[in-house]
Structure formats: structure tokens, C-alpha cells
Amino acid sequence: MRRRLVLLAAASAAVATVPAPAFAADVRGPRLSAGRGPRLPAGRGTAVRRLVLPDPTGPHRIGTVSLHLVDRSRPDPWVPAETVRELMVQVWYPARDARRLPWAPWVSPAFGALINPPGSGYELPLTHARTGAPALPGHRPVVLYSPGFGVERTAGTAVVEELASHGYIVVTIDHTHDSPLVEFPDGRVATSAVPPPTGEPGRRSGSSPRPSPPGSPTPGSS
């Protein structure tokens, strides 16, 4: 509970101050339409196709900012040799118009290279959020989006954008070494270190597993 309160406090601070983003979209050339989302320019060839995210249906424009959080009071629960716990958190919020700011990328550069290698014939989508856009004033509900076991924070981007467009502040989180890949602002990459599940002799398929020993980390916790 304490860690969740810390994350919510960080979200409020992020929306209030909008610090420099951890990752900035590299947007060159006329690829934006007059609408609220990124579009490819007319006349572009079809050799490389850009994937797109669903358009949010709410009335608000969206801003987002990524935060690198470091807890020096405890080691990483999955890799004890790492003496601090590092997390990447992203805040999505209703924003003012910020047309000069870049559209936020969907995933980090390292994760993008993993899921979309060169020569695939596709470009990964940009989001409908402006990186570091000024937040709309006012008190708003805050939602903590914590992905499930083995999933990164970007998996729910369409849902997160939909909520933000309807006035919610949404905090998404990558659980380091639980997610398949987490990239930090300095370029370091943390991969999954969660041991694979193992069967227990004598246990029937579909029966409940034995509880973890006290103190064992739980997948999906940070």
C-alpha cells in the first residue's frame, strides 16, 4: 500500500511539473494531420506501413511523461545483486493543446527493436499523447495501471489513452525483471529474471499450487 501511495504522489508531482521526458519521439517531416493523432503524410509509399492505435473517444487531448524512480532503501526483489530497486513509470493525463511538442512513442527504443526488427515492413505506432504537454488544471481521479505477470506497461496503451481522454490521470508501471524488457533513460536494459513455473511431483494438473515461502517476491509487484 505504501508503494502505491508513493507512485500516486509521484504521478501528481509529474502532472504538476511535467519534467523532461525519459524518451522523446524522433519526429521528422510532415507526418501529422490536423486531428489529435499522428498520421502518415499523403503520397507516402506503401513499402513500409505504420501501425496505428485506436483513436481515443474522449473530449480531452492527452499528455504523457516518463519517470525513472529509484528506491535506494531495498535491493531488487528478483536480482538481489542489484542493490537498488529501479522502476520506469509513465503518467498519462488530460492536457492542453501542445502542437509543437512531439507525439510520444508507443514503446522505448530497445523494446521497439525487439518486437519490430529492421526489414519487417512496418513502423510501430506513435501514441495520441504529446510528450511533456502542459496538464489541464483541476482535481482528477487517478488510476494505477499495473500490468499482469510478464507484460510491459505499453500493452494497455489504448485503454490508458481512452481513460486519459475522458479526464483520468493514469499511472502505468513496468515491473523491472518481471516485464520482458525495461529500458532506462541512460540506455540500460533490464530483462526478465522471474524463474519459470515448475511442476510439483504428485500434484494434479489444474490443482492449486503451494503458497510461496514467506518473503518471496510476487510477480506484478514492485
Protein backbone atom coordinates (compact mmCIF):
# COMPACT_ATOMS: atom_id res chain seq x y z
CA MET A 1 0.00 0.00 0.00
CA ARG A 2 2.84 2.40 0.88
CA ARG A 3 4.48 1.86 -2.51
CA ARG A 4 1.21 2.59 -4.30
CA LEU A 5 0.82 5.82 -2.36
CA VAL A 6 4.37 6.78 -3.37
CA LEU A 7 3.50 6.12 -7.03
CA LEU A 8 0.33 8.19 -6.82
CA ALA A 9 2.27 11.02 -5.21
CA ALA A 10 4.83 10.81 -8.00
CA ALA A 11 2.01 10.99 -10.54
CA SER A 12 0.61 14.15 -9.01
CA ALA A 13 4.06 15.74 -8.95
CA ALA A 14 4.70 14.73 -12.55
CA VAL A 15 1.47 16.28 -13.80
CA ALA A 16 2.15 19.45 -11.84
CA THR A 17 5.71 19.95 -13.05
CA VAL A 18 5.94 17.95 -16.32
CA PRO A 19 9.71 17.26 -16.24
CA ALA A 20 11.79 16.39 -19.28
CA PRO A 21 10.65 13.03 -20.71
CA ALA A 22 12.77 9.91 -20.45
CA PHE A 23 12.25 9.18 -24.14
CA ALA A 24 11.42 11.72 -26.85
CA ALA A 25 9.86 10.82 -30.15
CA ASP A 26 12.09 11.43 -33.15
CA VAL A 27 9.55 13.01 -35.47
CA ARG A 28 10.93 14.32 -38.77
CA GLY A 29 8.88 15.57 -41.68
CA PRO A 30 5.14 16.13 -42.16
CA ARG A 31 3.61 13.09 -40.53
CA LEU A 32 0.85 14.78 -38.50
CA SER A 33 -2.70 15.61 -39.54
CA ALA A 34 -4.91 18.39 -38.24
CA GLY A 35 -6.53 15.91 -35.84
CA ARG A 36 -5.45 14.74 -32.40
CA GLY A 37 -3.38 11.78 -33.54
CA PRO A 38 -0.30 11.10 -35.69
CA ARG A 39 -0.88 10.40 -39.38
CA LEU A 40 1.37 9.49 -42.28
CA PRO A 41 1.76 12.15 -45.00
CA ALA A 42 -0.25 11.82 -48.18
CA GLY A 43 1.56 10.20 -51.06
CA ARG A 44 3.87 8.09 -48.94
CA GLY A 45 4.68 4.72 -50.45
CA THR A 46 3.28 1.50 -49.09
CA ALA A 47 6.62 -0.33 -48.82
CA VAL A 48 6.67 0.46 -45.08
CA ARG A 49 3.35 0.68 -43.26
CA ARG A 50 2.77 2.34 -39.93
CA LEU A 51 0.64 0.55 -37.38
CA VAL A 52 -1.85 2.77 -35.54
CA LEU A 53 -3.52 2.78 -32.15
CA PRO A 54 -7.30 3.27 -31.84
CA ASP A 55 -8.36 6.91 -31.59
CA PRO A 56 -9.45 7.89 -28.06
CA THR A 57 -13.12 8.89 -27.87
CA GLY A 58 -12.96 11.44 -25.04
CA PRO A 59 -13.04 15.23 -25.38
CA HIS A 60 -9.56 15.89 -23.95
CA ARG A 61 -6.17 16.00 -25.58
CA ILE A 62 -3.55 13.81 -23.87
CA GLY A 63 -0.11 14.42 -22.43
CA THR A 64 2.37 11.92 -21.05
CA VAL A 65 5.69 11.91 -19.24
CA SER A 66 8.00 9.05 -18.24
CA LEU A 67 9.64 8.90 -14.81
CA HIS A 68 12.67 6.93 -13.64
CA LEU A 69 12.13 6.05 -9.97
CA VAL A 70 14.92 4.69 -7.76
CA ASP A 71 14.30 3.21 -4.30
CA ARG A 72 17.67 3.06 -2.52
CA SER A 73 16.18 1.52 0.63
CA ARG A 74 15.92 -2.00 -0.81
CA PRO A 75 17.52 -4.29 -3.39
CA ASP A 76 15.79 -5.59 -6.46
CA PRO A 77 13.46 -8.47 -5.39
CA TRP A 78 14.32 -10.59 -8.46
CA VAL A 79 18.04 -9.78 -8.77
CA PRO A 80 19.40 -9.26 -5.22
CA ALA A 81 22.81 -8.29 -6.60
CA GLU A 82 21.23 -5.03 -7.74
CA THR A 83 21.31 -3.01 -4.55
CA VAL A 84 18.54 -0.55 -5.52
CA ARG A 85 15.07 -1.05 -6.96
CA GLU A 86 14.57 0.87 -10.22
CA LEU A 87 11.25 1.36 -11.98
CA MET A 88 10.02 3.07 -15.11
CA VAL A 89 6.67 4.77 -14.58
CA GLN A 90 4.63 6.70 -17.15
CA VAL A 91 1.90 9.22 -16.38
CA TRP A 92 -0.93 9.96 -18.84
CA TYR A 93 -3.24 12.91 -18.26
CA PRO A 94 -5.68 15.36 -19.88
CA ALA A 95 -3.58 18.07 -21.48
CA ARG A 96 -3.74 21.47 -23.05
CA ASP A 97 -3.06 21.88 -26.73
CA ALA A 98 0.68 21.49 -27.33
CA ARG A 99 1.03 21.12 -31.08
CA ARG A 100 4.74 21.97 -31.10
CA LEU A 101 5.58 19.07 -28.81
CA PRO A 102 6.28 15.63 -30.32
CA TRP A 103 3.89 12.71 -30.24
CA ALA A 104 5.06 10.24 -27.61
CA PRO A 105 6.43 6.94 -28.93
CA TRP A 106 4.47 3.81 -28.12
CA VAL A 107 7.45 1.85 -26.76
CA SER A 108 11.06 2.56 -25.80
CA PRO A 109 13.77 2.26 -28.48
CA ALA A 110 15.10 -1.06 -27.16
CA PHE A 111 11.68 -2.66 -26.90
CA GLY A 112 10.80 -1.38 -30.34
CA ALA A 113 13.92 -3.00 -31.80
CA LEU A 114 12.96 -6.26 -30.10
CA ILE A 115 9.41 -6.50 -31.41
CA ASN A 116 9.96 -4.81 -34.77
CA PRO A 117 13.39 -5.67 -36.21
CA PRO A 118 14.72 -3.93 -39.34
CA GLY A 119 13.15 -5.16 -42.55
CA SER A 120 9.80 -6.06 -41.01
CA GLY A 121 7.94 -3.76 -43.40
CA TYR A 122 6.16 -1.96 -40.56
CA GLU A 123 6.64 1.10 -38.38
CA LEU A 124 5.45 0.96 -34.80
CA PRO A 125 2.69 3.42 -33.90
CA LEU A 126 3.04 6.72 -32.17
CA THR A 127 0.59 7.41 -29.36
CA HIS A 128 -2.07 10.12 -29.27
CA ALA A 129 -0.24 11.87 -26.41
CA ARG A 130 2.13 14.82 -26.62
CA THR A 131 5.37 14.33 -24.72
CA GLY A 132 5.52 16.70 -21.74
CA ALA A 133 2.34 18.59 -22.67
CA PRO A 134 1.01 21.02 -20.03
CA ALA A 135 -1.70 19.42 -17.93
CA LEU A 136 -5.24 20.73 -17.76
CA PRO A 137 -5.89 22.25 -14.32
CA GLY A 138 -8.30 20.71 -11.85
CA HIS A 139 -8.71 17.76 -9.49
CA ARG A 140 -8.96 14.42 -11.29
CA PRO A 141 -9.27 10.73 -10.40
CA VAL A 142 -6.03 8.74 -10.55
CA VAL A 143 -5.85 5.17 -11.87
CA LEU A 144 -2.84 2.92 -11.27
CA TYR A 145 -2.40 0.56 -14.23
CA SER A 146 -0.26 -2.36 -13.08
CA PRO A 147 0.17 -4.95 -15.87
CA GLY A 148 -0.01 -8.64 -15.17
CA PHE A 149 2.74 -11.19 -14.93
CA GLY A 150 5.23 -10.90 -17.79
CA VAL A 151 3.60 -7.92 -19.52
CA GLU A 152 5.06 -4.45 -20.08
CA ARG A 153 3.26 -1.18 -19.36
CA THR A 154 2.68 -0.37 -23.03
CA ALA A 155 0.39 -3.39 -23.55
CA GLY A 156 -2.61 -1.37 -22.32
CA THR A 157 -1.84 1.90 -24.11
CA ALA A 158 -5.17 2.04 -25.97
CA VAL A 159 -7.15 1.66 -22.73
CA VAL A 160 -4.88 4.13 -20.92
CA GLU A 161 -5.31 6.77 -23.63
CA GLU A 162 -9.07 6.27 -23.60
CA LEU A 163 -9.19 6.92 -19.85
CA ALA A 164 -6.94 9.99 -20.10
CA SER A 165 -9.08 11.42 -22.90
CA HIS A 166 -12.09 11.20 -20.55
CA GLY A 167 -10.38 13.11 -17.74
CA TYR A 168 -8.46 10.49 -15.76
CA ILE A 169 -4.82 10.58 -14.72
CA VAL A 170 -3.38 7.12 -15.38
CA VAL A 171 -0.09 5.86 -13.96
CA THR A 172 1.43 2.89 -15.79
CA ILE A 173 4.36 0.93 -14.44
CA ASP A 174 6.96 -1.53 -15.68
CA HIS A 175 7.87 -4.11 -13.04
CA THR A 176 11.60 -4.42 -13.59
CA HIS A 177 12.79 -8.01 -14.22
CA ASP A 178 9.14 -9.10 -14.32
CA SER A 179 8.40 -7.35 -17.61
CA PRO A 180 10.22 -8.89 -20.60
CA LEU A 181 12.29 -5.75 -21.15
CA VAL A 182 12.60 -2.42 -19.35
CA GLU A 183 14.77 0.36 -20.75
CA PHE A 184 16.10 3.12 -18.52
CA PRO A 185 16.89 6.67 -19.67
CA ASP A 186 20.64 6.01 -19.77
CA GLY A 187 20.13 3.13 -22.22
CA ARG A 188 20.49 0.26 -19.76
CA VAL A 189 18.10 -2.61 -20.38
CA ALA A 190 16.72 -4.95 -17.71
CA THR A 191 15.32 -8.26 -18.94
CA SER A 192 13.03 -10.73 -17.21
CA ALA A 193 14.54 -12.62 -14.29
CA VAL A 194 11.41 -14.33 -12.98
CA PRO A 195 12.04 -18.08 -12.82
CA PRO A 196 9.69 -20.16 -14.97
CA PRO A 197 6.94 -22.07 -13.15
CA THR A 198 7.80 -25.64 -12.33
CA GLY A 199 5.52 -28.60 -11.77
CA GLU A 200 5.38 -30.39 -8.45
CA PRO A 201 5.51 -34.18 -8.34
CA GLY A 202 2.21 -35.64 -7.23
CA ARG A 203 0.17 -32.51 -7.95
CA ARG A 204 -2.68 -32.98 -10.39
CA SER A 205 -2.93 -30.71 -13.40
CA GLY A 206 -5.18 -27.74 -12.61
CA SER A 207 -4.83 -28.05 -8.83
CA SER A 208 -3.79 -25.05 -6.78
CA PRO A 209 -0.03 -24.57 -6.31
CA ARG A 210 1.54 -24.45 -2.91
CA PRO A 211 1.89 -20.97 -1.39
CA SER A 212 5.24 -19.24 -1.83
CA PRO A 213 7.58 -19.15 1.16
CA PRO A 214 7.37 -16.01 3.31
CA GLY A 215 9.39 -13.14 1.82
CA SER A 216 9.25 -14.42 -1.76
CA PRO A 217 8.56 -11.72 -4.37
CA THR A 218 5.22 -11.82 -6.13
CA PRO A 219 5.08 -11.32 -9.90
CA GLY A 220 3.49 -8.00 -10.73
CA SER A 221 4.67 -6.31 -7.51
CA SER A 222 7.23 -3.54 -7.38
